[in-house]
Amino acid sequence: MLLTEFKALLLTADATATHYRTGLTGNYTTWQEYGDSPIYADGARTTVYEKIQIDRFTKTEYDPVVGAIRAALETAGIPYEYLVDYEKETGYIHHIFDCTVT
């Protein structure tokens, strides 16, 4: 999956999601790639797994966008690890989807 395809997928869950931008106001979603994991066979690079993190910052408990992101990833067959944290200093619930994309 190309990064442009990943972006299009994420925009189906949150039409206002941004690439790399953080510190926005209100509820918002941002995503960024942060590395890759190449796989080699017979001395040649055969597959690259991109590591992408999606961050959803919300002050809404049970935010429906979180469910929409989860559904979009699962429908596309993208494996992810899900974490959540409450940030006391800002009042945001921080939802993190750590994805692996081929």
PDB file of N, CA and C in Angstrom:
ATOM      1  N   MET A   1       0.851  -1.177   0.000  1.00  0.00           N
ATOM      2  CA  MET A   1       0.000   0.000   0.000  1.00  0.00           C
ATOM      3  C   MET A   1       0.895   1.238   0.000  1.00  0.00           C
ATOM      4  N   LEU A   2       0.649   2.129  -0.906  1.00  0.00           N
ATOM      5  CA  LEU A   2       1.385   3.381  -0.968  1.00  0.00           C
ATOM      6  C   LEU A   2       0.898   4.324   0.135  1.00  0.00           C
ATOM      7  N   LEU A   3       1.735   5.268   0.508  1.00  0.00           N
ATOM      8  CA  LEU A   3       1.332   6.234   1.536  1.00  0.00           C
ATOM      9  C   LEU A   3       0.117   7.048   1.091  1.00  0.00           C
ATOM     10  N   THR A   4       0.007   7.325  -0.200  1.00  0.00           N
ATOM     11  CA  THR A   4      -1.164   8.063  -0.687  1.00  0.00           C
ATOM     12  C   THR A   4      -2.432   7.227  -0.520  1.00  0.00           C
ATOM     13  N   GLU A   5      -2.321   5.913  -0.676  1.00  0.00           N
ATOM     14  CA  GLU A   5      -3.471   5.029  -0.466  1.00  0.00           C
ATOM     15  C   GLU A   5      -3.835   4.958   1.016  1.00  0.00           C
ATOM     16  N   PHE A   6      -2.817   4.941   1.878  1.00  0.00           N
ATOM     17  CA  PHE A   6      -3.069   4.941   3.318  1.00  0.00           C
ATOM     18  C   PHE A   6      -3.785   6.228   3.722  1.00  0.00           C
ATOM     19  N   LYS A   7      -3.313   7.344   3.189  1.00  0.00           N
ATOM     20  CA  LYS A   7      -3.949   8.637   3.481  1.00  0.00           C
ATOM     21  C   LYS A   7      -5.417   8.608   3.065  1.00  0.00           C
ATOM     22  N   ALA A   8      -5.693   8.112   1.866  1.00  0.00           N
ATOM     23  CA  ALA A   8      -7.072   8.047   1.378  1.00  0.00           C
ATOM     24  C   ALA A   8      -7.933   7.175   2.294  1.00  0.00           C
ATOM     25  N   LEU A   9      -7.370   6.063   2.757  1.00  0.00           N
ATOM     26  CA  LEU A   9      -8.088   5.186   3.680  1.00  0.00           C
ATOM     27  C   LEU A   9      -8.418   5.918   4.980  1.00  0.00           C
ATOM     28  N   LEU A  10      -7.432   6.597   5.546  1.00  0.00           N
ATOM     29  CA  LEU A  10      -7.646   7.312   6.803  1.00  0.00           C
ATOM     30  C   LEU A  10      -8.673   8.433   6.645  1.00  0.00           C
ATOM     31  N   LEU A  11      -8.658   9.087   5.492  1.00  0.00           N
ATOM     32  CA  LEU A  11      -9.629  10.163   5.257  1.00  0.00           C
ATOM     33  C   LEU A  11     -11.062   9.652   5.186  1.00  0.00           C
ATOM     34  N   THR A  12     -11.260   8.356   4.946  1.00  0.00           N
ATOM     35  CA  THR A  12     -12.616   7.806   4.995  1.00  0.00           C
ATOM     36  C   THR A  12     -13.126   7.749   6.430  1.00  0.00           C
ATOM     37  N   ALA A  13     -12.204   7.666   7.394  1.00  0.00           N
ATOM     38  CA  ALA A  13     -12.578   7.620   8.812  1.00  0.00           C
ATOM     39  C   ALA A  13     -12.666   9.009   9.423  1.00  0.00           C
ATOM     40  N   ASP A  14     -11.789   9.895   8.974  1.00  0.00           N
ATOM     41  CA  ASP A  14     -11.777  11.276   9.463  1.00  0.00           C
ATOM     42  C   ASP A  14     -11.348  12.177   8.313  1.00  0.00           C
ATOM     43  N   ALA A  15     -12.280  12.854   7.718  1.00  0.00           N
ATOM     44  CA  ALA A  15     -12.021  13.683   6.534  1.00  0.00           C
ATOM     45  C   ALA A  15     -11.080  14.845   6.809  1.00  0.00           C
ATOM     46  N   THR A  16     -10.817  15.151   8.083  1.00  0.00           N
ATOM     47  CA  THR A  16      -9.933  16.271   8.418  1.00  0.00           C
ATOM     48  C   THR A  16      -8.563  15.812   8.920  1.00  0.00           C
ATOM     49  N   ALA A  17      -8.260  14.523   8.809  1.00  0.00           N
ATOM     50  CA  ALA A  17      -6.963  14.000   9.279  1.00  0.00           C
ATOM     51  C   ALA A  17      -5.819  14.683   8.536  1.00  0.00           C
ATOM     52  N   THR A  18      -4.736  14.952   9.265  1.00  0.00           N
ATOM     53  CA  THR A  18      -3.587  15.635   8.677  1.00  0.00           C
ATOM     54  C   THR A  18      -2.327  14.783   8.802  1.00  0.00           C
ATOM     55  N   HIS A  19      -1.379  15.061   7.935  1.00  0.00           N
ATOM     56  CA  HIS A  19      -0.099  14.358   7.908  1.00  0.00           C
ATOM     57  C   HIS A  19       0.930  15.221   8.641  1.00  0.00           C
ATOM     58  N   TYR A  20       1.480  14.719   9.712  1.00  0.00           N
ATOM     59  CA  TYR A  20       2.519  15.354  10.537  1.00  0.00           C
ATOM     60  C   TYR A  20       2.051  16.505  11.417  1.00  0.00           C
ATOM     61  N   ARG A  21       0.924  17.110  11.177  1.00  0.00           N
ATOM     62  CA  ARG A  21       0.525  18.290  11.961  1.00  0.00           C
ATOM     63  C   ARG A  21       0.008  17.882  13.325  1.00  0.00           C
ATOM     64  N   THR A  22       0.512  18.513  14.368  1.00  0.00           N
ATOM     65  CA  THR A  22       0.052  18.256  15.729  1.00  0.00           C
ATOM     66  C   THR A  22      -0.231  19.582  16.415  1.00  0.00           C
ATOM     67  N   GLY A  23      -0.771  19.503  17.612  1.00  0.00           N
ATOM     68  CA  GLY A  23      -1.030  20.712  18.387  1.00  0.00           C
ATOM     69  C   GLY A  23      -2.206  21.508  17.863  1.00  0.00           C
ATOM     70  N   LEU A  24      -3.074  20.873  17.103  1.00  0.00           N
ATOM     71  CA  LEU A  24      -4.254  21.550  16.599  1.00  0.00           C
ATOM     72  C   LEU A  24      -5.257  21.715  17.739  1.00  0.00           C
ATOM     73  N   THR A  25      -6.319  22.438  17.508  1.00  0.00           N
ATOM     74  CA  THR A  25      -7.326  22.617  18.547  1.00  0.00           C
ATOM     75  C   THR A  25      -8.550  21.772  18.233  1.00  0.00           C
ATOM     76  N   GLY A  26      -9.365  21.550  19.245  1.00  0.00           N
ATOM     77  CA  GLY A  26     -10.531  20.707  19.082  1.00  0.00           C
ATOM     78  C   GLY A  26     -10.113  19.249  18.953  1.00  0.00           C
ATOM     79  N   ASN A  27     -11.022  18.397  18.544  1.00  0.00           N
ATOM     80  CA  ASN A  27     -10.706  16.992  18.309  1.00  0.00           C
ATOM     81  C   ASN A  27     -10.016  16.883  16.954  1.00  0.00           C
ATOM     82  N   TYR A  28      -8.921  16.137  16.875  1.00  0.00           N
ATOM     83  CA  TYR A  28      -8.217  16.026  15.597  1.00  0.00           C
ATOM     84  C   TYR A  28      -7.445  14.722  15.500  1.00  0.00           C
ATOM     85  N   THR A  29      -7.157  14.358  14.235  1.00  0.00           N
ATOM     86  CA  THR A  29      -6.406  13.155  13.920  1.00  0.00           C
ATOM     87  C   THR A  29      -5.190  13.549  13.094  1.00  0.00           C
ATOM     88  N   THR A  30      -4.059  12.975  13.428  1.00  0.00           N
ATOM     89  CA  THR A  30      -2.842  13.194  12.652  1.00  0.00           C
ATOM     90  C   THR A  30      -2.151  11.849  12.456  1.00  0.00           C
ATOM     91  N   TRP A  31      -1.354  11.742  11.415  1.00  0.00           N
ATOM     92  CA  TRP A  31      -0.627  10.497  11.165  1.00  0.00           C
ATOM     93  C   TRP A  31       0.750  10.814  10.604  1.00  0.00           C
ATOM     94  N   GLN A  32       1.662   9.886  10.809  1.00  0.00           N
ATOM     95  CA  GLN A  32       3.021  10.052  10.301  1.00  0.00           C
ATOM     96  C   GLN A  32       3.700   8.696  10.203  1.00  0.00           C
ATOM     97  N   GLU A  33       4.519   8.554   9.170  1.00  0.00           N
ATOM     98  CA  GLU A  33       5.330   7.360   9.067  1.00  0.00           C
ATOM     99  C   GLU A  33       6.586   7.591   9.900  1.00  0.00           C
ATOM    100  N   TYR A  34       7.093   6.527  10.533  1.00  0.00           N
ATOM    101  CA  TYR A  34       8.257   6.714  11.397  1.00  0.00           C
ATOM    102  C   TYR A  34       9.343   5.673  11.186  1.00  0.00           C
ATOM    103  N   GLY A  35       9.245   4.902  10.140  1.00  0.00           N
ATOM    104  CA  GLY A  35      10.302   3.940   9.847  1.00  0.00           C
ATOM    105  C   GLY A  35       9.783   2.809   8.989  1.00  0.00           C
ATOM    106  N   ASP A  36      10.676   1.876   8.710  1.00  0.00           N
ATOM    107  CA  ASP A  36      10.269   0.704   7.950  1.00  0.00           C
ATOM    108  C   ASP A  36      11.044  -0.514   8.416  1.00  0.00           C
ATOM    109  N   SER A  37      10.563  -1.668   8.014  1.00  0.00           N
ATOM    110  CA  SER A  37      11.205  -2.942   8.345  1.00  0.00           C
ATOM    111  C   SER A  37      11.320  -3.747   7.061  1.00  0.00           C
ATOM    112  N   PRO A  38      12.480  -3.695   6.415  1.00  0.00           N
ATOM    113  CA  PRO A  38      12.641  -4.457   5.175  1.00  0.00           C
ATOM    114  C   PRO A  38      12.841  -5.943   5.456  1.00  0.00           C
ATOM    115  N   ILE A  39      12.411  -6.756   4.513  1.00  0.00           N
ATOM    116  CA  ILE A  39      12.621  -8.203   4.574  1.00  0.00           C
ATOM    117  C   ILE A  39      13.459  -8.595   3.367  1.00  0.00           C
ATOM    118  N   TYR A  40      14.477  -9.397   3.606  1.00  0.00           N
ATOM    119  CA  TYR A  40      15.395  -9.818   2.552  1.00  0.00           C
ATOM    120  C   TYR A  40      15.260 -11.306   2.289  1.00  0.00           C
ATOM    121  N   ALA A  41      15.392 -11.679   1.017  1.00  0.00           N
ATOM    122  CA  ALA A  41      15.430 -13.083   0.614  1.00  0.00           C
ATOM    123  C   ALA A  41      16.467 -13.224  -0.486  1.00  0.00           C
ATOM    124  N   ASP A  42      17.318 -14.214  -0.378  1.00  0.00           N
ATOM    125  CA  ASP A  42      18.385 -14.434  -1.353  1.00  0.00           C
ATOM    126  C   ASP A  42      19.230 -13.180  -1.562  1.00  0.00           C
ATOM    127  N   GLY A  43      19.471 -12.449  -0.481  1.00  0.00           N
ATOM    128  CA  GLY A  43      20.321 -11.270  -0.538  1.00  0.00           C
ATOM    129  C   GLY A  43      19.681 -10.042  -1.153  1.00  0.00           C
ATOM    130  N   ALA A  44      18.390 -10.092  -1.444  1.00  0.00           N
ATOM    131  CA  ALA A  44      17.706  -8.944  -2.044  1.00  0.00           C
ATOM    132  C   ALA A  44      16.534  -8.509  -1.168  1.00  0.00           C
ATOM    133  N   ARG A  45      16.310  -7.238  -1.161  1.00  0.00           N
ATOM    134  CA  ARG A  45      15.176  -6.676  -0.415  1.00  0.00           C
ATOM    135  C   ARG A  45      13.890  -7.020  -1.167  1.00  0.00           C
ATOM    136  N   THR A  46      12.985  -7.750  -0.529  1.00  0.00           N
ATOM    137  CA  THR A  46      11.779  -8.213  -1.210  1.00  0.00           C
ATOM    138  C   THR A  46      10.524  -7.466  -0.794  1.00  0.00           C
ATOM    139  N   THR A  47      10.427  -7.115   0.463  1.00  0.00           N
ATOM    140  CA  THR A  47       9.233  -6.462   0.990  1.00  0.00           C
ATOM    141  C   THR A  47       9.653  -5.418   2.005  1.00  0.00           C
ATOM    142  N   VAL A  48       8.931  -4.328   2.042  1.00  0.00           N
ATOM    143  CA  VAL A  48       9.164  -3.315   3.061  1.00  0.00           C
ATOM    144  C   VAL A  48       7.855  -3.072   3.798  1.00  0.00           C
ATOM    145  N   TYR A  49       7.921  -3.201   5.106  1.00  0.00           N
ATOM    146  CA  TYR A  49       6.773  -2.888   5.950  1.00  0.00           C
ATOM    147  C   TYR A  49       6.968  -1.489   6.511  1.00  0.00           C
ATOM    148  N   GLU A  50       6.087  -0.574   6.136  1.00  0.00           N
ATOM    149  CA  GLU A  50       6.138   0.796   6.651  1.00  0.00           C
ATOM    150  C   GLU A  50       5.510   0.825   8.038  1.00  0.00           C
ATOM    151  N   LYS A  51       6.121   1.553   8.940  1.00  0.00           N
ATOM    152  CA  LYS A  51       5.566   1.769  10.272  1.00  0.00           C
ATOM    153  C   LYS A  51       4.894   3.144  10.258  1.00  0.00           C
ATOM    154  N   ILE A  52       3.609   3.170  10.591  1.00  0.00           N
ATOM    155  CA  ILE A  52       2.830   4.412  10.575  1.00  0.00           C
ATOM    156  C   ILE A  52       2.067   4.517  11.884  1.00  0.00           C
ATOM    157  N   GLN A  53       2.085   5.701  12.455  1.00  0.00           N
ATOM    158  CA  GLN A  53       1.335   5.944  13.688  1.00  0.00           C
ATOM    159  C   GLN A  53       0.214   6.933  13.409  1.00  0.00           C
ATOM    160  N   ILE A  54      -0.982   6.564  13.844  1.00  0.00           N
ATOM    161  CA  ILE A  54      -2.143   7.459  13.788  1.00  0.00           C
ATOM    162  C   ILE A  54      -2.422   7.899  15.216  1.00  0.00           C
ATOM    163  N   ASP A  55      -2.586   9.189  15.412  1.00  0.00           N
ATOM    164  CA  ASP A  55      -2.918   9.738  16.730  1.00  0.00           C
ATOM    165  C   ASP A  55      -4.252  10.469  16.638  1.00  0.00           C
ATOM    166  N   ARG A  56      -5.178  10.076  17.479  1.00  0.00           N
ATOM    167  CA  ARG A  56      -6.471  10.751  17.577  1.00  0.00           C
ATOM    168  C   ARG A  56      -6.530  11.423  18.937  1.00  0.00           C
ATOM    169  N   PHE A  57      -6.619  12.747  18.925  1.00  0.00           N
ATOM    170  CA  PHE A  57      -6.730  13.524  20.155  1.00  0.00           C
ATOM    171  C   PHE A  57      -8.163  14.004  20.267  1.00  0.00           C
ATOM    172  N   THR A  58      -8.815  13.658  21.354  1.00  0.00           N
ATOM    173  CA  THR A  58     -10.219  14.010  21.509  1.00  0.00           C
ATOM    174  C   THR A  58     -10.552  14.276  22.971  1.00  0.00           C
ATOM    175  N   LYS A  59     -11.524  15.116  23.169  1.00  0.00           N
ATOM    176  CA  LYS A  59     -12.045  15.350  24.515  1.00  0.00           C
ATOM    177  C   LYS A  59     -13.428  14.701  24.652  1.00  0.00           C
ATOM    178  N   THR A  60     -13.802  13.921  23.629  1.00  0.00           N
ATOM    179  CA  THR A  60     -15.084  13.244  23.595  1.00  0.00           C
ATOM    180  C   THR A  60     -14.907  11.790  24.009  1.00  0.00           C
ATOM    181  N   GLU A  61     -15.524  11.429  25.123  1.00  0.00           N
ATOM    182  CA  GLU A  61     -15.468  10.034  25.547  1.00  0.00           C
ATOM    183  C   GLU A  61     -16.252   9.192  24.536  1.00  0.00           C
ATOM    184  N   TYR A  62     -15.720   8.043  24.181  1.00  0.00           N
ATOM    185  CA  TYR A  62     -16.320   7.153  23.180  1.00  0.00           C
ATOM    186  C   TYR A  62     -16.488   7.856  21.835  1.00  0.00           C
ATOM    187  N   ASP A  63     -15.469   8.573  21.425  1.00  0.00           N
ATOM    188  CA  ASP A  63     -15.448   9.312  20.158  1.00  0.00           C
ATOM    189  C   ASP A  63     -15.697   8.351  18.984  1.00  0.00           C
ATOM    190  N   PRO A  64     -16.720   8.604  18.167  1.00  0.00           N
ATOM    191  CA  PRO A  64     -17.027   7.703  17.052  1.00  0.00           C
ATOM    192  C   PRO A  64     -15.925   7.635  15.991  1.00  0.00           C
ATOM    193  N   VAL A  65     -15.086   8.660  15.901  1.00  0.00           N
ATOM    194  CA  VAL A  65     -13.998   8.634  14.921  1.00  0.00           C
ATOM    195  C   VAL A  65     -12.995   7.529  15.263  1.00  0.00           C
ATOM    196  N   VAL A  66     -12.801   7.257  16.542  1.00  0.00           N
ATOM    197  CA  VAL A  66     -11.904   6.177  16.952  1.00  0.00           C
ATOM    198  C   VAL A  66     -12.411   4.852  16.381  1.00  0.00           C
ATOM    199  N   GLY A  67     -13.701   4.601  16.497  1.00  0.00           N
ATOM    200  CA  GLY A  67     -14.288   3.387  15.934  1.00  0.00           C
ATOM    201  C   GLY A  67     -14.188   3.355  14.415  1.00  0.00           C
ATOM    202  N   ALA A  68     -14.326   4.509  13.784  1.00  0.00           N
ATOM    203  CA  ALA A  68     -14.224   4.574  12.328  1.00  0.00           C
ATOM    204  C   ALA A  68     -12.800   4.282  11.860  1.00  0.00           C
ATOM    205  N   ILE A  69     -11.807   4.760  12.608  1.00  0.00           N
ATOM    206  CA  ILE A  69     -10.418   4.461  12.266  1.00  0.00           C
ATOM    207  C   ILE A  69     -10.165   2.964  12.407  1.00  0.00           C
ATOM    208  N   ARG A  70     -10.598   2.413  13.524  1.00  0.00           N
ATOM    209  CA  ARG A  70     -10.433   0.968  13.753  1.00  0.00           C
ATOM    210  C   ARG A  70     -11.095   0.164  12.627  1.00  0.00           C
ATOM    211  N   ALA A  71     -12.312   0.520  12.258  1.00  0.00           N
ATOM    212  CA  ALA A  71     -13.037  -0.199  11.205  1.00  0.00           C
ATOM    213  C   ALA A  71     -12.325  -0.080   9.857  1.00  0.00           C
ATOM    214  N   ALA A  72     -11.809   1.105   9.536  1.00  0.00           N
ATOM    215  CA  ALA A  72     -11.102   1.296   8.261  1.00  0.00           C
ATOM    216  C   ALA A  72      -9.849   0.426   8.201  1.00  0.00           C
ATOM    217  N   LEU A  73      -9.086   0.390   9.297  1.00  0.00           N
ATOM    218  CA  LEU A  73      -7.877  -0.429   9.326  1.00  0.00           C
ATOM    219  C   LEU A  73      -8.211  -1.908   9.207  1.00  0.00           C
ATOM    220  N   GLU A  74      -9.217  -2.346   9.932  1.00  0.00           N
ATOM    221  CA  GLU A  74      -9.592  -3.763   9.906  1.00  0.00           C
ATOM    222  C   GLU A  74     -10.144  -4.172   8.547  1.00  0.00           C
ATOM    223  N   THR A  75     -10.945  -3.334   7.928  1.00  0.00           N
ATOM    224  CA  THR A  75     -11.488  -3.628   6.602  1.00  0.00           C
ATOM    225  C   THR A  75     -10.372  -3.758   5.568  1.00  0.00           C
ATOM    226  N   ALA A  76      -9.342  -2.918   5.701  1.00  0.00           N
ATOM    227  CA  ALA A  76      -8.206  -2.947   4.770  1.00  0.00           C
ATOM    228  C   ALA A  76      -7.206  -4.053   5.113  1.00  0.00           C
ATOM    229  N   GLY A  77      -7.410  -4.733   6.238  1.00  0.00           N
ATOM    230  CA  GLY A  77      -6.495  -5.801   6.637  1.00  0.00           C
ATOM    231  C   GLY A  77      -5.150  -5.303   7.133  1.00  0.00           C
ATOM    232  N   ILE A  78      -5.141  -4.100   7.688  1.00  0.00           N
ATOM    233  CA  ILE A  78      -3.900  -3.512   8.194  1.00  0.00           C
ATOM    234  C   ILE A  78      -3.753  -3.859   9.678  1.00  0.00           C
ATOM    235  N   PRO A  79      -2.691  -4.590  10.032  1.00  0.00           N
ATOM    236  CA  PRO A  79      -2.492  -4.897  11.451  1.00  0.00           C
ATOM    237  C   PRO A  79      -2.073  -3.644  12.222  1.00  0.00           C
ATOM    238  N   TYR A  80      -2.528  -3.558  13.463  1.00  0.00           N
ATOM    239  CA  TYR A  80      -2.187  -2.399  14.291  1.00  0.00           C
ATOM    240  C   TYR A  80      -2.185  -2.791  15.757  1.00  0.00           C
ATOM    241  N   GLU A  81      -1.461  -1.994  16.525  1.00  0.00           N
ATOM    242  CA  GLU A  81      -1.512  -2.077  17.984  1.00  0.00           C
ATOM    243  C   GLU A  81      -2.229  -0.822  18.441  1.00  0.00           C
ATOM    244  N   TYR A  82      -3.153  -0.975  19.371  1.00  0.00           N
ATOM    245  CA  TYR A  82      -3.946   0.154  19.848  1.00  0.00           C
ATOM    246  C   TYR A  82      -3.586   0.460  21.290  1.00  0.00           C
ATOM    247  N   LEU A  83      -3.338   1.732  21.551  1.00  0.00           N
ATOM    248  CA  LEU A  83      -3.042   2.217  22.908  1.00  0.00           C
ATOM    249  C   LEU A  83      -3.888   3.460  23.159  1.00  0.00           C
ATOM    250  N   VAL A  84      -4.164   3.724  24.412  1.00  0.00           N
ATOM    251  CA  VAL A  84      -4.901   4.936  24.756  1.00  0.00           C
ATOM    252  C   VAL A  84      -4.309   5.524  26.028  1.00  0.00           C
ATOM    253  N   ASP A  85      -4.292   6.849  26.095  1.00  0.00           N
ATOM    254  CA  ASP A  85      -3.729   7.542  27.244  1.00  0.00           C
ATOM    255  C   ASP A  85      -4.561   8.793  27.495  1.00  0.00           C
ATOM    256  N   TYR A  86      -4.744   9.128  28.758  1.00  0.00           N
ATOM    257  CA  TYR A  86      -5.408  10.375  29.100  1.00  0.00           C
ATOM    258  C   TYR A  86      -4.341  11.383  29.496  1.00  0.00           C
ATOM    259  N   GLU A  87      -4.335  12.518  28.833  1.00  0.00           N
ATOM    260  CA  GLU A  87      -3.340  13.557  29.100  1.00  0.00           C
ATOM    261  C   GLU A  87      -3.953  14.609  30.025  1.00  0.00           C
ATOM    262  N   LYS A  88      -3.609  14.507  31.298  1.00  0.00           N
ATOM    263  CA  LYS A  88      -4.210  15.385  32.314  1.00  0.00           C
ATOM    264  C   LYS A  88      -3.974  16.865  32.042  1.00  0.00           C
ATOM    265  N   GLU A  89      -2.770  17.198  31.567  1.00  0.00           N
ATOM    266  CA  GLU A  89      -2.436  18.617  31.381  1.00  0.00           C
ATOM    267  C   GLU A  89      -3.244  19.287  30.269  1.00  0.00           C
ATOM    268  N   THR A  90      -3.692  18.519  29.267  1.00  0.00           N
ATOM    269  CA  THR A  90      -4.469  19.099  28.168  1.00  0.00           C
ATOM    270  C   THR A  90      -5.933  18.689  28.199  1.00  0.00           C
ATOM    271  N   GLY A  91      -6.248  17.615  28.910  1.00  0.00           N
ATOM    272  CA  GLY A  91      -7.612  17.102  28.942  1.00  0.00           C
ATOM    273  C   GLY A  91      -7.960  16.227  27.748  1.00  0.00           C
ATOM    274  N   TYR A  92      -6.966  15.937  26.919  1.00  0.00           N
ATOM    275  CA  TYR A  92      -7.206  15.094  25.743  1.00  0.00           C
ATOM    276  C   TYR A  92      -7.108  13.618  26.079  1.00  0.00           C
ATOM    277  N   ILE A  93      -7.969  12.836  25.456  1.00  0.00           N
ATOM    278  CA  ILE A  93      -7.815  11.386  25.407  1.00  0.00           C
ATOM    279  C   ILE A  93      -7.014  11.140  24.135  1.00  0.00           C
ATOM    280  N   HIS A  94      -5.882  10.477  24.265  1.00  0.00           N
ATOM    281  CA  HIS A  94      -4.971  10.261  23.136  1.00  0.00           C
ATOM    282  C   HIS A  94      -5.049   8.804  22.708  1.00  0.00           C
ATOM    283  N   HIS A  95      -5.652   8.574  21.555  1.00  0.00           N
ATOM    284  CA  HIS A  95      -5.771   7.232  20.982  1.00  0.00           C
ATOM    285  C   HIS A  95      -4.636   7.047  19.988  1.00  0.00           C
ATOM    286  N   ILE A  96      -3.909   5.937  20.097  1.00  0.00           N
ATOM    287  CA  ILE A  96      -2.752   5.684  19.244  1.00  0.00           C
ATOM    288  C   ILE A  96      -2.954   4.366  18.508  1.00  0.00           C
ATOM    289  N   PHE A  97      -2.848   4.422  17.198  1.00  0.00           N
ATOM    290  CA  PHE A  97      -2.879   3.227  16.359  1.00  0.00           C
ATOM    291  C   PHE A  97      -1.504   3.095  15.730  1.00  0.00           C
ATOM    292  N   ASP A  98      -0.762   2.093  16.127  1.00  0.00           N
ATOM    293  CA  ASP A  98       0.580   1.852  15.600  1.00  0.00           C
ATOM    294  C   ASP A  98       0.436   0.762  14.529  1.00  0.00           C
ATOM    295  N   CYS A  99       0.557   1.152  13.263  1.00  0.00           N
ATOM    296  CA  CYS A  99       0.222   0.289  12.132  1.00  0.00           C
ATOM    297  C   CYS A  99       1.455  -0.234  11.404  1.00  0.00           C
ATOM    298  N   THR A 100       1.278  -1.377  10.757  1.00  0.00           N
ATOM    299  CA  THR A 100       2.300  -1.941   9.876  1.00  0.00           C
ATOM    300  C   THR A 100       1.660  -2.125   8.514  1.00  0.00           C
ATOM    301  N   VAL A 101       2.224  -1.452   7.511  1.00  0.00           N
ATOM    302  CA  VAL A 101       1.630  -1.420   6.171  1.00  0.00           C
ATOM    303  C   VAL A 101       2.649  -1.936   5.153  1.00  0.00           C
ATOM    304  N   THR A 102       2.206  -2.806   4.245  1.00  0.00           N
ATOM    305  CA  THR A 102       3.098  -3.278   3.173  1.00  0.00           C
ATOM    306  C   THR A 102       2.841  -2.495   1.909  1.00  0.00           C
TER     307      THR A 102
END
